[in-house]
Amino acid sequence: MMNQREQADLVSHPEVSIIMPAYNEEDGLPVILEELCKESALRDAEIIVIDDGSSDHTREKITLFPRVQLVKHPVNRGYGAAISTGVKVSTGKYVVWFDTDGQHQVKDLVSVVQTLTRKNLDFCIGVRDGGSHQDSSRIVGKFILKQAVRLVVKKPVKDFNSGLRGFKREIIKRYLHLLPEGLELRR
């Protein structure tokens, strides 16, 4: 049984921080946040949404969820900058980023979080299946990029471009400088 100090530490420093970059996501984001906030396996997780300069009502929709921490970029700085900001403000031992465009489901997030924490992994990447949402204008380009990565690493890589990834926070912080401002993976 935890004493009061251990319970206070858990509240002030959750085990998992969920980072969600958002850009003009006023329609889909509330649905995802509602499901995420109801998921009992994630009840102790810190949820951080980075509104990356949205011009719609994304910010207002986020404020409807008191459990969710909103971080605002006044202008659109790009996916990489949003991820970097989220990692910097997070407090969990692990950080997991979770795209808000419907490519992954909350159950996928739970699976990555449980795998990451139970096995105490340095990182874990969620893999989309054939039924996952894909922007049809990017399929050919992503196929070519996947083949190039396969050639470089000399083995198959299932989903290197996944928007569902988890890391030990102290490890990923060392590599944030590699995330370029303006990285446009999904916009």
N, C-alpha and C. Protein backbone atom coordinates (compact mmCIF):
# COMPACT_ATOMS: atom_id res chain seq x y z
N MET A 1 0.84 -1.18 0.00
CA MET A 1 0.00 0.00 0.00
C MET A 1 0.88 1.25 0.00
N MET A 2 0.48 2.26 -0.80
CA MET A 2 1.27 3.49 -0.91
C MET A 2 1.00 4.42 0.25
N ASN A 3 2.06 5.06 0.73
CA ASN A 3 1.86 6.09 1.75
C ASN A 3 1.47 7.40 1.07
N GLN A 4 1.18 8.45 1.85
CA GLN A 4 0.70 9.71 1.28
C GLN A 4 1.73 10.36 0.37
N ARG A 5 3.00 10.27 0.73
CA ARG A 5 4.05 10.88 -0.09
C ARG A 5 4.13 10.18 -1.46
N GLU A 6 4.07 8.86 -1.47
CA GLU A 6 4.10 8.12 -2.74
C GLU A 6 2.89 8.47 -3.60
N GLN A 7 1.72 8.61 -2.96
CA GLN A 7 0.53 8.99 -3.70
C GLN A 7 0.67 10.40 -4.27
N ALA A 8 1.24 11.32 -3.51
CA ALA A 8 1.44 12.69 -3.98
C ALA A 8 2.42 12.71 -5.15
N ASP A 9 3.48 11.90 -5.06
CA ASP A 9 4.44 11.82 -6.17
C ASP A 9 3.77 11.30 -7.43
N LEU A 10 2.88 10.33 -7.28
CA LEU A 10 2.18 9.78 -8.43
C LEU A 10 1.29 10.84 -9.07
N VAL A 11 0.64 11.65 -8.25
CA VAL A 11 -0.22 12.70 -8.78
C VAL A 11 0.62 13.77 -9.47
N SER A 12 1.72 14.19 -8.85
CA SER A 12 2.52 15.25 -9.43
C SER A 12 3.40 14.76 -10.57
N HIS A 13 3.73 13.51 -10.61
CA HIS A 13 4.56 12.95 -11.67
C HIS A 13 3.95 11.63 -12.15
N PRO A 14 3.04 11.71 -13.10
CA PRO A 14 2.40 10.48 -13.58
C PRO A 14 3.42 9.60 -14.30
N GLU A 15 3.10 8.33 -14.39
CA GLU A 15 3.99 7.42 -15.09
C GLU A 15 4.01 7.71 -16.59
N VAL A 16 2.86 8.10 -17.15
CA VAL A 16 2.74 8.28 -18.59
C VAL A 16 2.16 9.65 -18.93
N SER A 17 2.79 10.32 -19.88
CA SER A 17 2.27 11.56 -20.44
C SER A 17 1.89 11.28 -21.89
N ILE A 18 0.66 11.63 -22.26
CA ILE A 18 0.18 11.45 -23.62
C ILE A 18 0.22 12.80 -24.32
N ILE A 19 0.96 12.87 -25.40
CA ILE A 19 1.16 14.11 -26.14
C ILE A 19 0.38 14.02 -27.45
N MET A 20 -0.49 15.01 -27.66
CA MET A 20 -1.34 15.00 -28.84
C MET A 20 -1.20 16.31 -29.60
N PRO A 21 -0.44 16.31 -30.70
CA PRO A 21 -0.37 17.52 -31.52
C PRO A 21 -1.69 17.70 -32.26
N ALA A 22 -2.17 18.94 -32.33
CA ALA A 22 -3.45 19.19 -33.00
C ALA A 22 -3.35 20.45 -33.85
N TYR A 23 -3.83 20.36 -35.06
CA TYR A 23 -3.90 21.51 -35.95
C TYR A 23 -5.24 21.45 -36.69
N ASN A 24 -6.12 22.38 -36.37
CA ASN A 24 -7.46 22.43 -36.98
C ASN A 24 -8.18 21.09 -36.86
N GLU A 25 -8.31 20.63 -35.63
CA GLU A 25 -8.94 19.33 -35.34
C GLU A 25 -10.24 19.48 -34.55
N GLU A 26 -10.97 20.57 -34.76
CA GLU A 26 -12.16 20.85 -33.96
C GLU A 26 -13.23 19.77 -34.06
N ASP A 27 -13.31 19.06 -35.17
CA ASP A 27 -14.35 18.04 -35.33
C ASP A 27 -13.98 16.70 -34.69
N GLY A 28 -12.79 16.19 -34.98
CA GLY A 28 -12.41 14.86 -34.51
C GLY A 28 -11.84 14.80 -33.11
N LEU A 29 -11.17 15.86 -32.69
CA LEU A 29 -10.47 15.85 -31.40
C LEU A 29 -11.40 15.64 -30.21
N PRO A 30 -12.57 16.29 -30.13
CA PRO A 30 -13.44 16.05 -28.97
C PRO A 30 -13.87 14.60 -28.82
N VAL A 31 -14.10 13.92 -29.93
CA VAL A 31 -14.49 12.51 -29.88
C VAL A 31 -13.36 11.67 -29.28
N ILE A 32 -12.15 11.93 -29.73
CA ILE A 32 -10.98 11.19 -29.23
C ILE A 32 -10.73 11.51 -27.76
N LEU A 33 -10.82 12.79 -27.39
CA LEU A 33 -10.57 13.17 -25.99
C LEU A 33 -11.61 12.57 -25.06
N GLU A 34 -12.85 12.52 -25.50
CA GLU A 34 -13.89 11.92 -24.65
C GLU A 34 -13.59 10.44 -24.41
N GLU A 35 -13.22 9.73 -25.46
CA GLU A 35 -12.89 8.31 -25.31
C GLU A 35 -11.65 8.13 -24.45
N LEU A 36 -10.67 8.97 -24.68
CA LEU A 36 -9.41 8.90 -23.93
C LEU A 36 -9.64 9.15 -22.44
N CYS A 37 -10.44 10.15 -22.11
CA CYS A 37 -10.71 10.48 -20.71
C CYS A 37 -11.54 9.41 -20.02
N LYS A 38 -12.29 8.63 -20.75
CA LYS A 38 -13.11 7.56 -20.17
C LYS A 38 -12.33 6.25 -20.01
N GLU A 39 -11.20 6.13 -20.66
CA GLU A 39 -10.44 4.87 -20.64
C GLU A 39 -9.80 4.66 -19.27
N SER A 40 -10.28 3.64 -18.56
CA SER A 40 -9.81 3.40 -17.19
C SER A 40 -8.31 3.06 -17.14
N ALA A 41 -7.78 2.42 -18.16
CA ALA A 41 -6.36 2.06 -18.17
C ALA A 41 -5.46 3.29 -18.25
N LEU A 42 -6.05 4.45 -18.62
CA LEU A 42 -5.26 5.68 -18.77
C LEU A 42 -5.67 6.75 -17.76
N ARG A 43 -6.41 6.36 -16.73
CA ARG A 43 -6.96 7.35 -15.81
C ARG A 43 -5.90 8.16 -15.08
N ASP A 44 -4.71 7.62 -14.89
CA ASP A 44 -3.65 8.34 -14.20
C ASP A 44 -2.68 9.04 -15.15
N ALA A 45 -2.91 8.91 -16.45
CA ALA A 45 -2.00 9.51 -17.42
C ALA A 45 -2.21 11.01 -17.51
N GLU A 46 -1.13 11.70 -17.77
CA GLU A 46 -1.17 13.13 -18.05
C GLU A 46 -1.51 13.28 -19.53
N ILE A 47 -2.50 14.08 -19.87
CA ILE A 47 -2.90 14.28 -21.27
C ILE A 47 -2.59 15.72 -21.65
N ILE A 48 -1.76 15.88 -22.67
CA ILE A 48 -1.33 17.21 -23.12
C ILE A 48 -1.66 17.34 -24.60
N VAL A 49 -2.46 18.36 -24.94
CA VAL A 49 -2.74 18.64 -26.34
C VAL A 49 -2.02 19.93 -26.71
N ILE A 50 -1.24 19.87 -27.77
CA ILE A 50 -0.54 21.04 -28.26
C ILE A 50 -1.33 21.56 -29.44
N ASP A 51 -2.01 22.70 -29.25
CA ASP A 51 -2.72 23.33 -30.36
C ASP A 51 -1.68 24.12 -31.15
N ASP A 52 -1.37 23.63 -32.33
CA ASP A 52 -0.29 24.18 -33.13
C ASP A 52 -0.79 25.29 -34.06
N GLY A 53 -1.31 26.36 -33.45
CA GLY A 53 -1.73 27.52 -34.22
C GLY A 53 -2.99 27.32 -35.03
N SER A 54 -3.91 26.53 -34.53
CA SER A 54 -5.15 26.27 -35.26
C SER A 54 -5.91 27.56 -35.54
N SER A 55 -6.59 27.57 -36.69
CA SER A 55 -7.41 28.73 -37.05
C SER A 55 -8.90 28.43 -36.88
N ASP A 56 -9.23 27.23 -36.43
CA ASP A 56 -10.62 26.87 -36.19
C ASP A 56 -10.90 26.94 -34.68
N HIS A 57 -11.81 26.15 -34.18
CA HIS A 57 -12.19 26.18 -32.76
C HIS A 57 -11.55 25.05 -31.95
N THR A 58 -10.40 24.58 -32.38
CA THR A 58 -9.73 23.49 -31.67
C THR A 58 -9.49 23.84 -30.21
N ARG A 59 -8.98 25.02 -29.94
CA ARG A 59 -8.66 25.43 -28.55
C ARG A 59 -9.90 25.38 -27.67
N GLU A 60 -10.99 25.92 -28.17
CA GLU A 60 -12.22 25.96 -27.38
C GLU A 60 -12.72 24.55 -27.08
N LYS A 61 -12.58 23.64 -28.03
CA LYS A 61 -13.02 22.26 -27.83
C LYS A 61 -12.18 21.58 -26.76
N ILE A 62 -10.88 21.85 -26.75
CA ILE A 62 -9.99 21.24 -25.75
C ILE A 62 -10.36 21.70 -24.35
N THR A 63 -10.73 22.95 -24.18
CA THR A 63 -11.05 23.48 -22.85
C THR A 63 -12.29 22.84 -22.24
N LEU A 64 -13.08 22.10 -23.04
CA LEU A 64 -14.24 21.39 -22.51
C LEU A 64 -13.83 20.16 -21.69
N PHE A 65 -12.55 19.82 -21.70
CA PHE A 65 -12.03 18.65 -21.00
C PHE A 65 -11.05 19.11 -19.93
N PRO A 66 -11.53 19.33 -18.70
CA PRO A 66 -10.67 19.89 -17.64
C PRO A 66 -9.44 19.05 -17.33
N ARG A 67 -9.51 17.77 -17.60
CA ARG A 67 -8.37 16.89 -17.32
C ARG A 67 -7.22 17.10 -18.31
N VAL A 68 -7.51 17.70 -19.43
CA VAL A 68 -6.54 17.84 -20.51
C VAL A 68 -5.79 19.16 -20.37
N GLN A 69 -4.47 19.07 -20.43
CA GLN A 69 -3.63 20.27 -20.39
C GLN A 69 -3.48 20.80 -21.81
N LEU A 70 -3.80 22.08 -22.01
CA LEU A 70 -3.69 22.71 -23.31
C LEU A 70 -2.43 23.55 -23.37
N VAL A 71 -1.62 23.32 -24.39
CA VAL A 71 -0.44 24.14 -24.66
C VAL A 71 -0.67 24.75 -26.04
N LYS A 72 -0.50 26.07 -26.14
CA LYS A 72 -0.81 26.77 -27.38
C LYS A 72 0.45 27.25 -28.08
N HIS A 73 0.54 26.97 -29.36
CA HIS A 73 1.50 27.65 -30.22
C HIS A 73 0.70 28.76 -30.90
N PRO A 74 1.13 30.00 -30.81
CA PRO A 74 0.35 31.09 -31.41
C PRO A 74 0.25 31.00 -32.93
N VAL A 75 1.26 30.39 -33.55
CA VAL A 75 1.24 30.18 -35.00
C VAL A 75 1.59 28.72 -35.27
N ASN A 76 1.24 28.24 -36.43
CA ASN A 76 1.55 26.86 -36.81
C ASN A 76 3.05 26.71 -36.99
N ARG A 77 3.65 25.88 -36.15
CA ARG A 77 5.10 25.65 -36.21
C ARG A 77 5.43 24.28 -36.78
N GLY A 78 4.45 23.42 -36.93
CA GLY A 78 4.67 22.10 -37.51
C GLY A 78 4.65 20.99 -36.49
N TYR A 79 4.49 19.79 -37.01
CA TYR A 79 4.33 18.59 -36.21
C TYR A 79 5.52 18.36 -35.27
N GLY A 80 6.73 18.47 -35.79
CA GLY A 80 7.93 18.25 -34.98
C GLY A 80 8.02 19.21 -33.81
N ALA A 81 7.68 20.47 -34.04
CA ALA A 81 7.71 21.47 -32.98
C ALA A 81 6.64 21.17 -31.92
N ALA A 82 5.47 20.71 -32.37
CA ALA A 82 4.41 20.37 -31.42
C ALA A 82 4.82 19.20 -30.53
N ILE A 83 5.41 18.17 -31.13
CA ILE A 83 5.90 17.02 -30.36
C ILE A 83 6.96 17.48 -29.36
N SER A 84 7.90 18.28 -29.83
CA SER A 84 8.98 18.76 -28.97
C SER A 84 8.44 19.56 -27.79
N THR A 85 7.49 20.44 -28.04
CA THR A 85 6.88 21.21 -26.97
C THR A 85 6.21 20.28 -25.96
N GLY A 86 5.48 19.30 -26.45
CA GLY A 86 4.79 18.35 -25.57
C GLY A 86 5.75 17.59 -24.68
N VAL A 87 6.85 17.13 -25.25
CA VAL A 87 7.85 16.40 -24.45
C VAL A 87 8.44 17.31 -23.38
N LYS A 88 8.72 18.56 -23.75
CA LYS A 88 9.34 19.49 -22.80
C LYS A 88 8.43 19.82 -21.61
N VAL A 89 7.12 19.88 -21.82
CA VAL A 89 6.22 20.22 -20.70
C VAL A 89 5.72 18.98 -19.95
N SER A 90 5.95 17.81 -20.49
CA SER A 90 5.46 16.58 -19.86
C SER A 90 6.23 16.28 -18.58
N THR A 91 5.60 15.48 -17.70
CA THR A 91 6.24 15.13 -16.44
C THR A 91 6.32 13.62 -16.21
N GLY A 92 5.74 12.83 -17.09
CA GLY A 92 5.73 11.38 -16.90
C GLY A 92 7.09 10.74 -17.14
N LYS A 93 7.27 9.57 -16.61
CA LYS A 93 8.49 8.78 -16.88
C LYS A 93 8.52 8.40 -18.36
N TYR A 94 7.33 8.15 -18.92
CA TYR A 94 7.19 7.79 -20.33
C TYR A 94 6.37 8.86 -21.03
N VAL A 95 6.68 9.13 -22.28
CA VAL A 95 5.83 9.99 -23.12
C VAL A 95 5.39 9.17 -24.32
N VAL A 96 4.13 9.35 -24.66
CA VAL A 96 3.57 8.66 -25.82
C VAL A 96 2.90 9.72 -26.67
N TRP A 97 3.27 9.77 -27.96
CA TRP A 97 2.51 10.71 -28.78
C TRP A 97 1.47 9.95 -29.58
N PHE A 98 0.33 10.63 -29.71
CA PHE A 98 -0.87 10.02 -30.25
C PHE A 98 -1.52 11.01 -31.20
N ASP A 99 -1.46 10.72 -32.50
CA ASP A 99 -2.04 11.61 -33.50
C ASP A 99 -3.55 11.67 -33.36
N THR A 100 -4.11 12.78 -33.73
CA THR A 100 -5.54 13.02 -33.57
C THR A 100 -6.31 12.89 -34.88
N ASP A 101 -5.70 12.29 -35.88
CA ASP A 101 -6.34 12.22 -37.20
C ASP A 101 -7.06 10.90 -37.48
N GLY A 102 -7.22 10.05 -36.49
CA GLY A 102 -7.99 8.82 -36.66
C GLY A 102 -7.22 7.62 -37.15
N GLN A 103 -5.91 7.72 -37.30
CA GLN A 103 -5.12 6.58 -37.77
C GLN A 103 -4.97 5.51 -36.69
N HIS A 104 -5.09 5.91 -35.45
CA HIS A 104 -4.98 4.99 -34.33
C HIS A 104 -6.20 5.14 -33.44
N GLN A 105 -6.52 4.10 -32.74
CA GLN A 105 -7.64 4.10 -31.80
C GLN A 105 -7.08 4.15 -30.38
N VAL A 106 -7.93 4.53 -29.43
CA VAL A 106 -7.51 4.58 -28.03
C VAL A 106 -7.04 3.20 -27.57
N LYS A 107 -7.67 2.13 -28.05
CA LYS A 107 -7.23 0.78 -27.66
C LYS A 107 -5.79 0.53 -28.13
N ASP A 108 -5.39 1.12 -29.27
CA ASP A 108 -4.00 1.00 -29.74
C ASP A 108 -3.07 1.73 -28.78
N LEU A 109 -3.50 2.90 -28.33
CA LEU A 109 -2.72 3.67 -27.37
C LEU A 109 -2.53 2.89 -26.08
N VAL A 110 -3.59 2.28 -25.58
CA VAL A 110 -3.51 1.48 -24.35
C VAL A 110 -2.50 0.35 -24.55
N SER A 111 -2.53 -0.29 -25.68
CA SER A 111 -1.60 -1.39 -25.96
C SER A 111 -0.15 -0.92 -25.93
N VAL A 112 0.13 0.22 -26.56
CA VAL A 112 1.50 0.75 -26.55
C VAL A 112 1.91 1.14 -25.14
N VAL A 113 1.04 1.81 -24.41
CA VAL A 113 1.35 2.23 -23.04
C VAL A 113 1.64 1.01 -22.17
N GLN A 114 0.80 -0.01 -22.25
CA GLN A 114 1.01 -1.20 -21.42
C GLN A 114 2.28 -1.94 -21.79
N THR A 115 2.56 -2.05 -23.07
CA THR A 115 3.80 -2.72 -23.51
C THR A 115 5.02 -1.94 -23.03
N LEU A 116 4.99 -0.65 -23.20
CA LEU A 116 6.10 0.23 -22.82
C LEU A 116 6.38 0.16 -21.32
N THR A 117 5.32 0.27 -20.52
CA THR A 117 5.52 0.34 -19.07
C THR A 117 5.77 -1.03 -18.43
N ARG A 118 5.05 -2.03 -18.86
CA ARG A 118 5.23 -3.36 -18.25
C ARG A 118 6.59 -3.96 -18.56
N LYS A 119 7.09 -3.68 -19.76
CA LYS A 119 8.39 -4.23 -20.14
C LYS A 119 9.52 -3.24 -19.89
N ASN A 120 9.18 -2.04 -19.38
CA ASN A 120 10.16 -1.00 -19.11
C ASN A 120 11.06 -0.75 -20.32
N LEU A 121 10.42 -0.58 -21.49
CA LEU A 121 11.15 -0.38 -22.74
C LEU A 121 11.64 1.05 -22.88
N ASP A 122 12.69 1.23 -23.68
CA ASP A 122 13.16 2.57 -24.01
C ASP A 122 12.21 3.23 -25.01
N PHE A 123 11.65 2.43 -25.93
CA PHE A 123 10.68 2.96 -26.89
C PHE A 123 9.79 1.84 -27.40
N CYS A 124 8.65 2.24 -27.95
CA CYS A 124 7.69 1.31 -28.53
C CYS A 124 6.92 2.07 -29.61
N ILE A 125 6.77 1.48 -30.78
CA ILE A 125 6.07 2.13 -31.88
C ILE A 125 4.86 1.31 -32.27
N GLY A 126 3.70 1.97 -32.31
CA GLY A 126 2.47 1.33 -32.75
C GLY A 126 2.49 1.12 -34.26
N VAL A 127 1.96 0.01 -34.70
CA VAL A 127 1.95 -0.31 -36.13
C VAL A 127 0.51 -0.29 -36.62
N ARG A 128 0.28 0.51 -37.66
CA ARG A 128 -1.06 0.57 -38.27
C ARG A 128 -1.27 -0.67 -39.11
N ASP A 129 -2.53 -1.11 -39.14
CA ASP A 129 -2.85 -2.24 -40.01
C ASP A 129 -3.48 -1.71 -41.30
N GLY A 130 -3.81 -2.58 -42.20
CA GLY A 130 -4.37 -2.20 -43.49
C GLY A 130 -5.69 -1.46 -43.38
N GLY A 131 -6.41 -1.61 -42.27
CA GLY A 131 -7.69 -0.95 -42.11
C GLY A 131 -7.60 0.44 -41.50
N SER A 132 -6.40 0.89 -41.17
CA SER A 132 -6.23 2.21 -40.57
C SER A 132 -6.48 3.30 -41.60
N HIS A 133 -6.94 4.44 -41.12
CA HIS A 133 -7.18 5.60 -41.98
C HIS A 133 -5.87 6.04 -42.63
N GLN A 134 -5.91 6.31 -43.93
CA GLN A 134 -4.74 6.82 -44.64
C GLN A 134 -5.18 7.93 -45.56
N ASP A 135 -4.38 8.97 -45.65
CA ASP A 135 -4.62 10.05 -46.59
C ASP A 135 -4.21 9.52 -47.97
N SER A 136 -5.17 9.37 -48.87
CA SER A 136 -4.90 8.75 -50.17
C SER A 136 -3.86 9.51 -50.98
N SER A 137 -3.70 10.80 -50.74
CA SER A 137 -2.72 11.57 -51.51
C SER A 137 -1.28 11.26 -51.08
N ARG A 138 -1.12 10.52 -49.99
CA ARG A 138 0.23 10.24 -49.48
C ARG A 138 0.66 8.79 -49.62
N ILE A 139 -0.19 7.94 -50.11
CA ILE A 139 0.10 6.51 -50.16
C ILE A 139 1.34 6.21 -51.00
N VAL A 140 1.43 6.76 -52.19
CA VAL A 140 2.57 6.47 -53.08
C VAL A 140 3.87 6.98 -52.46
N GLY A 141 3.85 8.21 -51.96
CA GLY A 141 5.05 8.78 -51.36
C GLY A 141 5.52 8.00 -50.14
N LYS A 142 4.57 7.58 -49.31
CA LYS A 142 4.95 6.80 -48.13
C LYS A 142 5.49 5.43 -48.52
N PHE A 143 4.96 4.83 -49.58
CA PHE A 143 5.48 3.55 -50.06
C PHE A 143 6.94 3.71 -50.50
N ILE A 144 7.21 4.75 -51.25
CA ILE A 144 8.59 4.99 -51.73
C ILE A 144 9.52 5.25 -50.54
N LEU A 145 9.08 6.05 -49.60
CA LEU A 145 9.89 6.33 -48.42
C LEU A 145 10.14 5.05 -47.61
N LYS A 146 9.11 4.22 -47.49
CA LYS A 146 9.26 2.95 -46.75
C LYS A 146 10.31 2.06 -47.41
N GLN A 147 10.32 2.02 -48.73
CA GLN A 147 11.31 1.20 -49.44
C GLN A 147 12.71 1.76 -49.25
N ALA A 148 12.83 3.08 -49.24
CA ALA A 148 14.14 3.70 -49.02
C ALA A 148 14.67 3.37 -47.61
N VAL A 149 13.79 3.45 -46.61
CA VAL A 149 14.19 3.12 -45.24
C VAL A 149 14.59 1.65 -45.16
N ARG A 150 13.83 0.80 -45.81
CA ARG A 150 14.14 -0.64 -45.82
C ARG A 150 15.54 -0.88 -46.39
N LEU A 151 15.90 -0.16 -47.46
CA LEU A 151 17.23 -0.31 -48.06
C LEU A 151 18.33 0.15 -47.09
N VAL A 152 18.09 1.24 -46.39
CA VAL A 152 19.09 1.79 -45.49
C VAL A 152 19.31 0.88 -44.29
N VAL A 153 18.24 0.38 -43.67
CA VAL A 153 18.40 -0.43 -42.47
C VAL A 153 18.57 -1.92 -42.78
N LYS A 154 18.38 -2.28 -44.04
CA LYS A 154 18.61 -3.64 -44.53
C LYS A 154 17.70 -4.69 -43.89
N LYS A 155 16.49 -4.27 -43.51
CA LYS A 155 15.49 -5.21 -43.03
C LYS A 155 14.13 -4.52 -43.09
N PRO A 156 13.07 -5.30 -43.08
CA PRO A 156 11.73 -4.69 -43.14
C PRO A 156 11.43 -3.83 -41.92
N VAL A 157 10.81 -2.71 -42.16
CA VAL A 157 10.36 -1.82 -41.11
C VAL A 157 8.85 -1.68 -41.30
N LYS A 158 8.09 -2.15 -40.31
CA LYS A 158 6.63 -2.22 -40.48
C LYS A 158 5.97 -0.86 -40.60
N ASP A 159 6.26 0.07 -39.70
CA ASP A 159 5.56 1.36 -39.72
C ASP A 159 6.41 2.43 -39.05
N PHE A 160 7.50 2.81 -39.70
CA PHE A 160 8.42 3.78 -39.12
C PHE A 160 7.80 5.18 -39.01
N ASN A 161 6.74 5.42 -39.74
CA ASN A 161 6.14 6.75 -39.80
C ASN A 161 4.88 6.84 -38.93
N SER A 162 4.75 5.95 -37.99
CA SER A 162 3.56 5.89 -37.15
C SER A 162 3.44 7.12 -36.25
N GLY A 163 2.21 7.59 -36.08
CA GLY A 163 1.94 8.70 -35.18
C GLY A 163 1.62 8.23 -33.77
N LEU A 164 1.93 6.98 -33.47
CA LEU A 164 1.73 6.41 -32.13
C LEU A 164 3.05 5.81 -31.69
N ARG A 165 3.75 6.57 -30.87
CA ARG A 165 5.08 6.15 -30.41
C ARG A 165 5.22 6.47 -28.92
N GLY A 166 5.94 5.62 -28.23
CA GLY A 166 6.19 5.85 -26.82
C GLY A 166 7.67 5.73 -26.51
N PHE A 167 8.14 6.54 -25.56
CA PHE A 167 9.55 6.57 -25.20
C PHE A 167 9.69 6.84 -23.71
N LYS A 168 10.81 6.43 -23.15
CA LYS A 168 11.19 6.96 -21.84
C LYS A 168 11.50 8.44 -22.07
N ARG A 169 10.91 9.28 -21.26
CA ARG A 169 11.05 10.73 -21.47
C ARG A 169 12.50 11.18 -21.43
N GLU A 170 13.26 10.65 -20.49
CA GLU A 170 14.66 11.08 -20.37
C GLU A 170 15.48 10.71 -21.60
N ILE A 171 15.10 9.65 -22.29
CA ILE A 171 15.83 9.25 -23.50
C ILE A 171 15.43 10.13 -24.68
N ILE A 172 14.11 10.31 -24.91
CA ILE A 172 13.68 11.07 -26.08
C ILE A 172 14.08 12.54 -25.98
N LYS A 173 14.20 13.07 -24.76
CA LYS A 173 14.62 14.46 -24.60
C LYS A 173 15.99 14.71 -25.22
N ARG A 174 16.84 13.70 -25.21
CA ARG A 174 18.18 13.85 -25.79
C ARG A 174 18.14 14.02 -27.31
N TYR A 175 17.04 13.61 -27.94
CA TYR A 175 16.95 13.61 -29.40
C TYR A 175 15.98 14.64 -29.96
N LEU A 176 15.42 15.48 -29.11
CA LEU A 176 14.45 16.47 -29.59
C LEU A 176 15.03 17.41 -30.64
N HIS A 177 16.32 17.68 -30.55
CA HIS A 177 16.94 18.57 -31.53
C HIS A 177 16.89 18.00 -32.95
N LEU A 178 16.63 16.70 -33.07
CA LEU A 178 16.54 16.08 -34.39
C LEU A 178 15.16 16.27 -35.03
N LEU A 179 14.17 16.68 -34.24
CA LEU A 179 12.83 16.94 -34.78
C LEU A 179 12.83 18.34 -35.35
N PRO A 180 12.80 18.47 -36.66
CA PRO A 180 12.87 19.82 -37.25
C PRO A 180 11.57 20.58 -37.05
N GLU A 181 11.70 21.87 -36.92
CA GLU A 181 10.51 22.73 -36.91
C GLU A 181 9.88 22.58 -38.29
N GLY A 182 8.57 22.50 -38.32
CA GLY A 182 7.88 22.42 -39.59
C GLY A 182 7.81 21.04 -40.18
N LEU A 183 8.14 20.00 -39.43
CA LEU A 183 8.06 18.63 -39.95
C LEU A 183 6.61 18.34 -40.30
N GLU A 184 6.33 18.15 -41.54
CA GLU A 184 4.95 17.99 -42.01
C GLU A 184 4.67 16.54 -42.34
N LEU A 185 4.45 15.73 -41.30
CA LEU A 185 4.16 14.31 -41.52
C LEU A 185 2.70 14.04 -41.80
N ARG A 186 1.81 14.93 -41.40
CA ARG A 186 0.40 14.61 -41.55
C ARG A 186 -0.46 15.79 -41.91
N ARG A 187 0.09 16.90 -42.23
CA ARG A 187 -0.76 18.06 -42.47
C ARG A 187 -1.06 18.25 -43.92
